[in-house]
Structure formats: C-alpha cells, structure tokens
Amino acid sequence: MEISMRADLKCANGEGGKVAGALMNETIHAVTHVVISIDGAELVRRLLPLNAVTEGSLDVLTTRHTREQLDTLPPLDEIEIVPTTQSMDMATGTLLEMPLAIEDTPKGTLVIDKHTSVEASDGHAGSVDAVLLDPISGAITHIMLREGHLWDKRDVTIPISNITSITRDEVKLNLTKDDIGALPATPV
C-alpha cells in the first residue's frame, strides 16, 4: 500500500480532502494512522486509522469512512488563538487574533510528511513523497523520494534497509547522492 503525501482522499460517499502525512510508531517504524486534511477544515489535520484505508496509490487514498465520519476523527492539531502583529483593527488600533495550529503528536509517534527531508550520507537528497507499507503490519518497507528540478523530477523508491534513522524532520540514508541517482526511477 502507498501513502502519498500528495494524494486526494476519497471517502465512501465522495471527496474528503487530502493526505497530509503518515503517523508512525517510532519504535517499530509502522504507520498507525494517515494524517488527513479535510476539505473546509484545513487548519486541523485529523488522524485516520490505517485499518480504515481500503486502497492507497500515488494519486488517491480511499477510506471506507463517510465524509461525516471524517469530521469525528481525533485531531492531530490543537488550535490556539494568538494575537498577531500582521493584522490590526485600524478603527481601534488593537491587534487582531488568528488561529494557530499546534501539532499534538501522541507519545512514541512522529509524523512523516512532504516537509520531511531525505538526507543522503553526503548531503540533502530531496523530500519524502510517499511511504510504502506492508499491507498487513503497516510497517514501512520503502520511502519514495522526489528529486530533481521543475522540468526534470523523478520518484525514487528507497528500501527500508537503506534508512539509518527517521525523525520528525528527516530521514537519513546510508546511500550517497550518486547511489540514489543509480536507483531505478519513475519520471514525474
């Protein structure tokens, strides 16, 4: 199963939003939930249990949940209202408040998303585009790395055996950039 960081979310009764990442158990490197952003409520990401996913590809993730059930899923983010120096009520001169989403990751887990950097042994190689999972255990078997530039992008699949560590901010590899360049790739 693939969980793409750019996939649309399709529910039992229509469109549901976007995939925003994957919540992973830090100890066993298994995905337990898909992080989703529901249409109309992008500020609060929600946690869709992996066992509610019926199919995952690079373009679409399908769930058996309805759109209404998605609204009842536990949030990943807590909303805090903070004053902002960016906006001021010109009539009163007071600072306006704005909502700020603060990630509240459960203990022992971390989120992998499109901002998670992939670091080769000799420097930055790209960012995580997708995670590939064992369909039974949810264990990560590969990560998909998007590399290249605007007109020359490609997806490279890297086995878990080449990953030395995964943190919230980065995936470290035991490969060099040249090693990654030699792996089979799919043009984007």
N, C-alpha and C. Protein backbone atom coordinates (compact mmCIF):
# COMPACT_ATOMS: atom_id res chain seq x y z
N MET A 1 0.84 -1.17 0.00
CA MET A 1 0.00 0.00 0.00
C MET A 1 0.88 1.24 0.00
N GLU A 2 0.46 2.25 -0.73
CA GLU A 2 1.20 3.50 -0.80
C GLU A 2 0.41 4.60 -0.10
N ILE A 3 1.14 5.42 0.66
CA ILE A 3 0.55 6.62 1.23
C ILE A 3 1.35 7.78 0.66
N SER A 4 0.75 8.43 -0.32
CA SER A 4 1.41 9.54 -0.99
C SER A 4 1.09 10.85 -0.28
N MET A 5 2.08 11.69 -0.13
CA MET A 5 1.91 12.98 0.54
C MET A 5 1.19 13.99 -0.35
N ARG A 6 0.79 13.56 -1.55
CA ARG A 6 0.07 14.45 -2.46
C ARG A 6 -1.24 13.85 -2.94
N ALA A 7 -1.68 12.77 -2.30
CA ALA A 7 -2.89 12.06 -2.75
C ALA A 7 -4.16 12.77 -2.30
N ASP A 8 -5.19 12.63 -3.11
CA ASP A 8 -6.53 13.07 -2.72
C ASP A 8 -7.13 12.00 -1.84
N LEU A 9 -8.01 12.40 -0.95
CA LEU A 9 -8.70 11.47 -0.07
C LEU A 9 -10.12 11.27 -0.58
N LYS A 10 -10.46 10.02 -0.84
CA LYS A 10 -11.80 9.69 -1.33
C LYS A 10 -12.50 8.87 -0.25
N CYS A 11 -13.70 9.33 0.17
CA CYS A 11 -14.46 8.59 1.19
C CYS A 11 -15.56 7.80 0.55
N ALA A 12 -16.28 7.07 1.38
CA ALA A 12 -17.35 6.19 0.91
C ALA A 12 -18.43 6.95 0.15
N ASN A 13 -18.63 8.22 0.49
CA ASN A 13 -19.67 9.00 -0.18
C ASN A 13 -19.14 10.22 -0.94
N GLY A 14 -17.91 10.13 -1.44
CA GLY A 14 -17.39 11.22 -2.27
C GLY A 14 -16.01 11.69 -1.85
N GLU A 15 -15.71 12.93 -2.21
CA GLU A 15 -14.40 13.52 -1.91
C GLU A 15 -14.31 13.85 -0.43
N GLY A 16 -13.08 13.79 0.10
CA GLY A 16 -12.92 14.03 1.52
C GLY A 16 -11.83 15.00 1.90
N GLY A 17 -10.89 15.26 1.01
CA GLY A 17 -9.79 16.16 1.33
C GLY A 17 -8.48 15.68 0.74
N LYS A 18 -7.42 15.81 1.53
CA LYS A 18 -6.08 15.48 1.07
C LYS A 18 -5.33 14.69 2.13
N VAL A 19 -4.39 13.89 1.68
CA VAL A 19 -3.46 13.23 2.59
C VAL A 19 -2.40 14.26 2.95
N ALA A 20 -2.11 14.37 4.25
CA ALA A 20 -1.14 15.35 4.72
C ALA A 20 0.09 14.70 5.33
N GLY A 21 0.07 13.37 5.49
CA GLY A 21 1.22 12.69 6.06
C GLY A 21 0.85 11.33 6.62
N ALA A 22 1.78 10.76 7.36
CA ALA A 22 1.58 9.45 7.98
C ALA A 22 2.09 9.52 9.41
N LEU A 23 1.31 8.98 10.35
CA LEU A 23 1.71 8.92 11.75
C LEU A 23 2.37 7.56 11.98
N MET A 24 3.61 7.58 12.42
CA MET A 24 4.40 6.37 12.53
C MET A 24 4.79 6.10 13.98
N ASN A 25 4.74 4.82 14.39
CA ASN A 25 5.28 4.40 15.67
C ASN A 25 6.80 4.47 15.55
N GLU A 26 7.44 5.24 16.44
CA GLU A 26 8.89 5.45 16.34
C GLU A 26 9.70 4.18 16.56
N THR A 27 9.21 3.28 17.38
CA THR A 27 9.97 2.09 17.73
C THR A 27 9.99 1.06 16.63
N ILE A 28 8.83 0.77 16.04
CA ILE A 28 8.76 -0.32 15.07
C ILE A 28 8.63 0.16 13.62
N HIS A 29 8.67 1.48 13.41
CA HIS A 29 8.57 2.06 12.07
C HIS A 29 7.35 1.56 11.30
N ALA A 30 6.23 1.49 12.01
CA ALA A 30 4.97 1.09 11.39
C ALA A 30 4.00 2.27 11.43
N VAL A 31 3.29 2.48 10.33
CA VAL A 31 2.30 3.54 10.25
C VAL A 31 1.02 3.05 10.93
N THR A 32 0.50 3.89 11.81
CA THR A 32 -0.74 3.54 12.52
C THR A 32 -1.93 4.34 12.02
N HIS A 33 -1.66 5.56 11.52
CA HIS A 33 -2.72 6.46 11.06
C HIS A 33 -2.23 7.23 9.84
N VAL A 34 -3.17 7.63 9.02
CA VAL A 34 -2.89 8.56 7.93
C VAL A 34 -3.33 9.94 8.41
N VAL A 35 -2.47 10.92 8.24
CA VAL A 35 -2.81 12.29 8.61
C VAL A 35 -3.54 12.90 7.42
N ILE A 36 -4.76 13.40 7.68
CA ILE A 36 -5.56 13.95 6.59
C ILE A 36 -5.94 15.40 6.88
N SER A 37 -6.14 16.12 5.81
CA SER A 37 -6.66 17.48 5.87
C SER A 37 -8.00 17.45 5.16
N ILE A 38 -9.07 17.71 5.90
CA ILE A 38 -10.41 17.60 5.36
C ILE A 38 -10.80 18.90 4.67
N ASP A 39 -11.42 18.78 3.49
CA ASP A 39 -11.88 19.97 2.77
C ASP A 39 -12.72 20.85 3.68
N GLY A 40 -12.39 22.13 3.72
CA GLY A 40 -13.13 23.08 4.53
C GLY A 40 -12.61 23.20 5.95
N ALA A 41 -11.69 22.33 6.35
CA ALA A 41 -11.13 22.38 7.72
C ALA A 41 -9.63 22.11 7.65
N GLU A 42 -8.93 22.81 6.76
CA GLU A 42 -7.51 22.54 6.52
C GLU A 42 -6.62 22.87 7.71
N LEU A 43 -7.09 23.73 8.62
CA LEU A 43 -6.26 24.14 9.75
C LEU A 43 -6.02 22.98 10.72
N VAL A 44 -7.03 22.13 10.89
CA VAL A 44 -6.90 20.99 11.81
C VAL A 44 -6.77 19.72 11.00
N ARG A 45 -5.62 19.07 11.12
CA ARG A 45 -5.44 17.77 10.48
C ARG A 45 -6.00 16.71 11.41
N ARG A 46 -6.51 15.64 10.83
CA ARG A 46 -7.13 14.57 11.61
C ARG A 46 -6.40 13.25 11.37
N LEU A 47 -6.62 12.30 12.29
CA LEU A 47 -5.94 11.01 12.24
C LEU A 47 -6.91 9.93 11.78
N LEU A 48 -6.70 9.44 10.57
CA LEU A 48 -7.50 8.36 10.00
C LEU A 48 -6.78 7.05 10.30
N PRO A 49 -7.41 6.12 11.06
CA PRO A 49 -6.75 4.84 11.35
C PRO A 49 -6.38 4.11 10.07
N LEU A 50 -5.21 3.51 10.06
CA LEU A 50 -4.75 2.80 8.86
C LEU A 50 -5.72 1.69 8.47
N ASN A 51 -6.35 1.05 9.45
CA ASN A 51 -7.28 -0.04 9.12
C ASN A 51 -8.58 0.46 8.48
N ALA A 52 -8.77 1.77 8.40
CA ALA A 52 -9.93 2.34 7.71
C ALA A 52 -9.62 2.65 6.25
N VAL A 53 -8.36 2.45 5.85
CA VAL A 53 -7.95 2.70 4.46
C VAL A 53 -8.20 1.42 3.66
N THR A 54 -8.91 1.58 2.54
CA THR A 54 -9.20 0.42 1.70
C THR A 54 -8.25 0.30 0.52
N GLU A 55 -7.66 1.42 0.10
CA GLU A 55 -6.73 1.40 -1.03
C GLU A 55 -5.88 2.66 -1.00
N GLY A 56 -4.61 2.51 -1.38
CA GLY A 56 -3.73 3.66 -1.45
C GLY A 56 -2.86 3.61 -2.68
N SER A 57 -2.82 4.72 -3.41
CA SER A 57 -1.95 4.84 -4.58
C SER A 57 -1.30 6.21 -4.54
N LEU A 58 -0.50 6.53 -5.54
CA LEU A 58 0.16 7.84 -5.56
C LEU A 58 -0.82 8.98 -5.72
N ASP A 59 -1.98 8.72 -6.32
CA ASP A 59 -2.92 9.80 -6.58
C ASP A 59 -4.11 9.85 -5.64
N VAL A 60 -4.56 8.69 -5.15
CA VAL A 60 -5.79 8.63 -4.35
C VAL A 60 -5.63 7.66 -3.19
N LEU A 61 -6.12 8.08 -2.03
CA LEU A 61 -6.23 7.19 -0.88
C LEU A 61 -7.73 7.05 -0.61
N THR A 62 -8.20 5.82 -0.51
CA THR A 62 -9.63 5.56 -0.34
C THR A 62 -9.89 5.01 1.05
N THR A 63 -10.95 5.52 1.69
CA THR A 63 -11.35 5.04 3.00
C THR A 63 -12.80 4.57 2.98
N ARG A 64 -13.12 3.67 3.88
CA ARG A 64 -14.50 3.20 3.99
C ARG A 64 -15.35 4.19 4.79
N HIS A 65 -14.72 5.17 5.44
CA HIS A 65 -15.45 6.18 6.21
C HIS A 65 -16.22 7.12 5.28
N THR A 66 -17.31 7.65 5.77
CA THR A 66 -18.05 8.68 5.05
C THR A 66 -17.44 10.04 5.38
N ARG A 67 -17.83 11.04 4.64
CA ARG A 67 -17.35 12.41 4.89
C ARG A 67 -17.74 12.84 6.30
N GLU A 68 -18.93 12.47 6.74
CA GLU A 68 -19.40 12.85 8.08
C GLU A 68 -18.56 12.16 9.17
N GLN A 69 -18.15 10.93 8.93
CA GLN A 69 -17.32 10.22 9.90
C GLN A 69 -15.93 10.84 10.00
N LEU A 70 -15.43 11.39 8.91
CA LEU A 70 -14.11 12.04 8.95
C LEU A 70 -14.10 13.19 9.95
N ASP A 71 -15.22 13.91 10.04
CA ASP A 71 -15.30 15.05 10.96
C ASP A 71 -15.20 14.62 12.43
N THR A 72 -15.46 13.36 12.72
CA THR A 72 -15.43 12.88 14.11
C THR A 72 -14.09 12.25 14.49
N LEU A 73 -13.17 12.15 13.54
CA LEU A 73 -11.85 11.57 13.82
C LEU A 73 -11.07 12.47 14.77
N PRO A 74 -10.18 11.88 15.58
CA PRO A 74 -9.41 12.71 16.51
C PRO A 74 -8.47 13.67 15.76
N PRO A 75 -8.35 14.88 16.29
CA PRO A 75 -7.46 15.85 15.64
C PRO A 75 -5.99 15.59 15.98
N LEU A 76 -5.12 15.90 15.05
CA LEU A 76 -3.68 15.86 15.31
C LEU A 76 -3.23 17.21 15.87
N ASP A 77 -3.94 18.26 15.48
CA ASP A 77 -3.54 19.60 15.86
C ASP A 77 -4.51 20.20 16.87
N GLU A 78 -3.94 20.97 17.80
CA GLU A 78 -4.75 21.77 18.70
C GLU A 78 -4.69 23.21 18.19
N ILE A 79 -5.81 23.90 18.31
CA ILE A 79 -5.88 25.29 17.84
C ILE A 79 -5.70 26.23 19.02
N GLU A 80 -4.80 27.17 18.85
CA GLU A 80 -4.58 28.20 19.86
C GLU A 80 -4.82 29.55 19.18
N ILE A 81 -5.52 30.43 19.85
CA ILE A 81 -5.78 31.76 19.30
C ILE A 81 -4.71 32.71 19.83
N VAL A 82 -3.99 33.34 18.91
CA VAL A 82 -2.89 34.22 19.30
C VAL A 82 -3.04 35.58 18.64
N PRO A 83 -2.62 36.64 19.33
CA PRO A 83 -2.62 37.95 18.68
C PRO A 83 -1.54 37.97 17.61
N THR A 84 -1.77 38.71 16.58
CA THR A 84 -0.79 38.79 15.50
C THR A 84 -0.38 40.22 15.25
N THR A 85 0.88 40.42 14.98
CA THR A 85 1.36 41.76 14.64
C THR A 85 1.14 42.05 13.16
N GLN A 86 0.69 41.02 12.42
CA GLN A 86 0.46 41.18 10.99
C GLN A 86 -0.83 41.94 10.69
N SER A 87 -1.82 41.85 11.60
CA SER A 87 -3.12 42.47 11.34
C SER A 87 -3.55 43.31 12.53
N MET A 88 -4.05 44.48 12.20
CA MET A 88 -4.50 45.39 13.25
C MET A 88 -5.85 45.97 12.84
N ASP A 89 -6.74 46.10 13.81
CA ASP A 89 -8.02 46.77 13.58
C ASP A 89 -7.72 48.26 13.51
N MET A 90 -7.82 48.85 12.34
CA MET A 90 -7.44 50.25 12.14
C MET A 90 -8.33 51.21 12.92
N ALA A 91 -9.58 50.82 13.17
CA ALA A 91 -10.50 51.70 13.89
C ALA A 91 -10.13 51.80 15.36
N THR A 92 -9.72 50.68 15.97
CA THR A 92 -9.44 50.68 17.41
C THR A 92 -7.95 50.63 17.72
N GLY A 93 -7.15 50.25 16.74
CA GLY A 93 -5.71 50.14 16.96
C GLY A 93 -5.30 48.89 17.72
N THR A 94 -6.22 47.93 17.86
CA THR A 94 -5.89 46.69 18.57
C THR A 94 -5.43 45.62 17.60
N LEU A 95 -4.58 44.74 18.13
CA LEU A 95 -4.12 43.62 17.32
C LEU A 95 -5.26 42.62 17.16
N LEU A 96 -5.37 42.07 15.97
CA LEU A 96 -6.37 41.04 15.73
C LEU A 96 -5.79 39.69 16.12
N GLU A 97 -6.68 38.76 16.42
CA GLU A 97 -6.24 37.42 16.77
C GLU A 97 -6.39 36.50 15.59
N MET A 98 -5.55 35.48 15.55
CA MET A 98 -5.66 34.50 14.48
C MET A 98 -5.45 33.10 15.07
N PRO A 99 -6.07 32.11 14.45
CA PRO A 99 -5.87 30.74 14.94
C PRO A 99 -4.51 30.21 14.49
N LEU A 100 -3.90 29.42 15.36
CA LEU A 100 -2.61 28.81 15.07
C LEU A 100 -2.73 27.32 15.41
N ALA A 101 -2.39 26.47 14.45
CA ALA A 101 -2.45 25.03 14.67
C ALA A 101 -1.13 24.56 15.29
N ILE A 102 -1.22 23.83 16.39
CA ILE A 102 -0.05 23.30 17.07
C ILE A 102 -0.17 21.78 17.06
N GLU A 103 0.84 21.14 16.45
CA GLU A 103 0.81 19.68 16.34
C GLU A 103 0.89 19.03 17.72
N ASP A 104 -0.01 18.09 17.98
CA ASP A 104 -0.06 17.37 19.25
C ASP A 104 0.09 15.88 18.97
N THR A 105 1.32 15.49 18.65
CA THR A 105 1.62 14.11 18.26
C THR A 105 1.60 13.21 19.50
N PRO A 106 0.88 12.08 19.43
CA PRO A 106 0.87 11.16 20.57
C PRO A 106 2.29 10.69 20.90
N LYS A 107 2.53 10.43 22.21
CA LYS A 107 3.85 9.99 22.67
C LYS A 107 4.26 8.71 21.93
N GLY A 108 5.52 8.66 21.51
CA GLY A 108 6.07 7.49 20.84
C GLY A 108 5.79 7.44 19.35
N THR A 109 5.25 8.54 18.81
CA THR A 109 4.95 8.59 17.38
C THR A 109 5.58 9.83 16.76
N LEU A 110 5.65 9.83 15.45
CA LEU A 110 6.08 11.03 14.73
C LEU A 110 5.36 11.07 13.40
N VAL A 111 5.28 12.26 12.84
CA VAL A 111 4.62 12.46 11.56
C VAL A 111 5.66 12.58 10.46
N ILE A 112 5.46 11.82 9.41
CA ILE A 112 6.26 11.95 8.19
C ILE A 112 5.35 12.65 7.19
N ASP A 113 5.84 13.73 6.60
CA ASP A 113 5.03 14.44 5.61
C ASP A 113 5.92 14.97 4.49
N LYS A 114 5.35 15.77 3.60
CA LYS A 114 6.10 16.25 2.44
C LYS A 114 7.24 17.20 2.81
N HIS A 115 7.26 17.64 4.07
CA HIS A 115 8.34 18.52 4.52
C HIS A 115 9.48 17.74 5.17
N THR A 116 9.32 16.42 5.30
CA THR A 116 10.37 15.60 5.90
C THR A 116 11.50 15.45 4.88
N SER A 117 12.66 15.95 5.26
CA SER A 117 13.83 15.94 4.39
C SER A 117 14.45 14.55 4.31
N VAL A 118 14.97 14.21 3.14
CA VAL A 118 15.71 12.96 2.96
C VAL A 118 17.18 13.35 2.80
N GLU A 119 18.02 12.80 3.70
CA GLU A 119 19.43 13.14 3.71
C GLU A 119 20.28 11.93 3.34
N ALA A 120 21.01 12.06 2.25
CA ALA A 120 21.98 11.04 1.85
C ALA A 120 23.20 11.18 2.76
N SER A 121 24.10 10.23 2.70
CA SER A 121 25.29 10.31 3.56
C SER A 121 26.18 11.50 3.19
N ASP A 122 25.99 12.06 1.98
CA ASP A 122 26.78 13.21 1.56
C ASP A 122 25.96 14.47 1.33
N GLY A 123 24.78 14.57 1.95
CA GLY A 123 24.01 15.80 1.87
C GLY A 123 22.55 15.60 1.51
N HIS A 124 21.86 16.72 1.36
CA HIS A 124 20.42 16.73 1.10
C HIS A 124 20.10 16.08 -0.25
N ALA A 125 19.11 15.15 -0.24
CA ALA A 125 18.76 14.43 -1.47
C ALA A 125 17.34 14.74 -1.96
N GLY A 126 16.51 15.33 -1.13
CA GLY A 126 15.13 15.63 -1.53
C GLY A 126 14.20 15.57 -0.34
N SER A 127 12.93 15.27 -0.60
CA SER A 127 11.96 15.17 0.49
C SER A 127 11.07 13.95 0.26
N VAL A 128 10.43 13.51 1.33
CA VAL A 128 9.58 12.33 1.26
C VAL A 128 8.35 12.65 0.41
N ASP A 129 8.09 11.80 -0.57
CA ASP A 129 6.92 11.97 -1.42
C ASP A 129 5.84 10.94 -1.07
N ALA A 130 6.27 9.77 -0.57
CA ALA A 130 5.32 8.72 -0.19
C ALA A 130 6.03 7.72 0.69
N VAL A 131 5.23 6.95 1.44
CA VAL A 131 5.75 5.80 2.17
C VAL A 131 5.01 4.58 1.65
N LEU A 132 5.74 3.49 1.48
CA LEU A 132 5.15 2.22 1.04
C LEU A 132 5.13 1.29 2.23
N LEU A 133 3.98 0.62 2.42
CA LEU A 133 3.76 -0.17 3.62
C LEU A 133 3.48 -1.62 3.32
N ASP A 134 3.84 -2.47 4.27
CA ASP A 134 3.38 -3.85 4.26
C ASP A 134 1.88 -3.77 4.56
N PRO A 135 1.03 -4.33 3.71
CA PRO A 135 -0.41 -4.16 3.89
C PRO A 135 -0.98 -4.82 5.15
N ILE A 136 -0.28 -5.77 5.71
CA ILE A 136 -0.79 -6.45 6.91
C ILE A 136 -0.32 -5.76 8.19
N SER A 137 0.96 -5.49 8.30
CA SER A 137 1.50 -4.93 9.54
C SER A 137 1.55 -3.42 9.58
N GLY A 138 1.50 -2.78 8.42
CA GLY A 138 1.65 -1.33 8.37
C GLY A 138 3.09 -0.88 8.45
N ALA A 139 4.03 -1.83 8.50
CA ALA A 139 5.45 -1.50 8.58
C ALA A 139 5.91 -0.83 7.29
N ILE A 140 6.72 0.19 7.44
CA ILE A 140 7.26 0.88 6.27
C ILE A 140 8.26 -0.05 5.60
N THR A 141 8.08 -0.29 4.30
CA THR A 141 9.01 -1.13 3.54
C THR A 141 9.93 -0.28 2.67
N HIS A 142 9.43 0.89 2.22
CA HIS A 142 10.19 1.80 1.37
C HIS A 142 9.70 3.22 1.62
N ILE A 143 10.55 4.18 1.27
CA ILE A 143 10.08 5.55 1.13
C ILE A 143 10.27 5.93 -0.32
N MET A 144 9.44 6.82 -0.79
CA MET A 144 9.60 7.33 -2.13
C MET A 144 10.11 8.76 -2.01
N LEU A 145 11.18 9.01 -2.71
CA LEU A 145 11.85 10.30 -2.69
C LEU A 145 11.59 11.00 -4.00
N ARG A 146 11.15 12.23 -3.94
CA ARG A 146 11.02 13.03 -5.15
C ARG A 146 12.28 13.88 -5.24
N GLU A 147 12.96 13.75 -6.35
CA GLU A 147 14.18 14.52 -6.54
C GLU A 147 14.15 15.20 -7.90
N GLY A 148 15.05 16.14 -8.07
CA GLY A 148 15.16 16.82 -9.35
C GLY A 148 14.67 18.25 -9.28
N HIS A 149 14.53 18.84 -10.47
CA HIS A 149 14.12 20.23 -10.59
C HIS A 149 12.80 20.30 -11.35
N LEU A 150 12.28 21.48 -11.49
CA LEU A 150 10.96 21.71 -12.04
C LEU A 150 10.66 20.88 -13.29
N TRP A 151 11.57 20.82 -14.25
CA TRP A 151 11.30 20.12 -15.51
C TRP A 151 11.88 18.71 -15.56
N ASP A 152 12.59 18.33 -14.51
CA ASP A 152 13.26 17.03 -14.53
C ASP A 152 13.09 16.31 -13.19
N LYS A 153 11.83 16.14 -12.76
CA LYS A 153 11.56 15.47 -11.49
C LYS A 153 11.39 13.98 -11.71
N ARG A 154 11.77 13.21 -10.69
CA ARG A 154 11.58 11.77 -10.74
C ARG A 154 11.37 11.25 -9.33
N ASP A 155 10.65 10.13 -9.23
CA ASP A 155 10.43 9.47 -7.95
C ASP A 155 11.36 8.27 -7.86
N VAL A 156 12.08 8.17 -6.75
CA VAL A 156 13.00 7.07 -6.49
C VAL A 156 12.50 6.33 -5.25
N THR A 157 12.40 5.01 -5.35
CA THR A 157 11.95 4.19 -4.23
C THR A 157 13.16 3.64 -3.50
N ILE A 158 13.22 3.91 -2.18
CA ILE A 158 14.38 3.52 -1.37
C ILE A 158 13.93 2.50 -0.31
N PRO A 159 14.54 1.32 -0.29
CA PRO A 159 14.16 0.28 0.69
C PRO A 159 14.48 0.71 2.13
N ILE A 160 13.71 0.20 3.07
CA ILE A 160 13.92 0.50 4.49
C ILE A 160 15.32 0.09 4.93
N SER A 161 15.92 -0.90 4.28
CA SER A 161 17.27 -1.35 4.65
C SER A 161 18.32 -0.26 4.43
N ASN A 162 18.00 0.75 3.60
CA ASN A 162 18.93 1.85 3.36
C ASN A 162 18.65 3.07 4.24
N ILE A 163 17.70 2.94 5.14
CA ILE A 163 17.36 4.03 6.05
C ILE A 163 18.04 3.77 7.39
N THR A 164 18.84 4.74 7.83
CA THR A 164 19.54 4.57 9.11
C THR A 164 18.76 5.17 10.27
N SER A 165 17.96 6.20 10.02
CA SER A 165 17.12 6.77 11.08
C SER A 165 16.00 7.61 10.47
N ILE A 166 14.92 7.70 11.25
CA ILE A 166 13.78 8.54 10.86
C ILE A 166 13.43 9.40 12.07
N THR A 167 13.42 10.72 11.85
CA THR A 167 12.97 11.66 12.88
C THR A 167 11.87 12.52 12.28
N ARG A 168 11.32 13.40 13.07
CA ARG A 168 10.24 14.28 12.59
C ARG A 168 10.68 15.11 11.39
N ASP A 169 11.94 15.50 11.40
CA ASP A 169 12.41 16.41 10.36
C ASP A 169 13.15 15.76 9.21
N GLU A 170 13.68 14.54 9.43
CA GLU A 170 14.47 13.96 8.35
C GLU A 170 14.55 12.44 8.39
N VAL A 171 14.78 11.91 7.20
CA VAL A 171 15.07 10.50 7.01
C VAL A 171 16.53 10.44 6.57
N LYS A 172 17.37 9.71 7.32
CA LYS A 172 18.79 9.60 6.97
C LYS A 172 19.02 8.26 6.28
N LEU A 173 19.84 8.31 5.23
CA LEU A 173 20.13 7.13 4.43
C LEU A 173 21.60 6.74 4.54
N ASN A 174 21.87 5.47 4.25
CA ASN A 174 23.26 5.01 4.18
C ASN A 174 23.73 5.01 2.72
N LEU A 175 23.09 5.79 1.88
CA LEU A 175 23.42 5.92 0.46
C LEU A 175 23.96 7.31 0.17
N THR A 176 24.81 7.41 -0.82
CA THR A 176 25.26 8.73 -1.30
C THR A 176 24.26 9.22 -2.35
N LYS A 177 24.39 10.47 -2.75
CA LYS A 177 23.53 11.00 -3.81
C LYS A 177 23.74 10.24 -5.11
N ASP A 178 24.98 9.84 -5.39
CA ASP A 178 25.25 9.05 -6.59
C ASP A 178 24.57 7.69 -6.52
N ASP A 179 24.59 7.07 -5.33
CA ASP A 179 23.89 5.79 -5.14
C ASP A 179 22.39 5.95 -5.43
N ILE A 180 21.82 7.02 -4.93
CA ILE A 180 20.39 7.29 -5.15
C ILE A 180 20.13 7.50 -6.65
N GLY A 181 21.03 8.25 -7.29
CA GLY A 181 20.88 8.51 -8.72
C GLY A 181 20.94 7.24 -9.56
N ALA A 182 21.58 6.21 -9.06
CA ALA A 182 21.69 4.95 -9.80
C ALA A 182 20.49 4.03 -9.58
N LEU A 183 19.62 4.36 -8.62
CA LEU A 183 18.42 3.53 -8.37
C LEU A 183 17.40 3.72 -9.48
N PRO A 184 16.61 2.70 -9.75
CA PRO A 184 15.54 2.86 -10.75
C PRO A 184 14.59 3.98 -10.34
N ALA A 185 14.12 4.73 -11.30
CA ALA A 185 13.25 5.87 -11.01
C ALA A 185 12.10 5.95 -12.01
N THR A 186 11.07 6.65 -11.58
CA THR A 186 9.91 6.90 -12.43
C THR A 186 9.84 8.39 -12.69
N PRO A 187 9.85 8.84 -13.96
CA PRO A 187 9.72 10.27 -14.24
C PRO A 187 8.35 10.76 -13.75
N VAL A 188 8.33 12.01 -13.29
CA VAL A 188 7.08 12.60 -12.79
C VAL A 188 6.55 13.57 -13.81
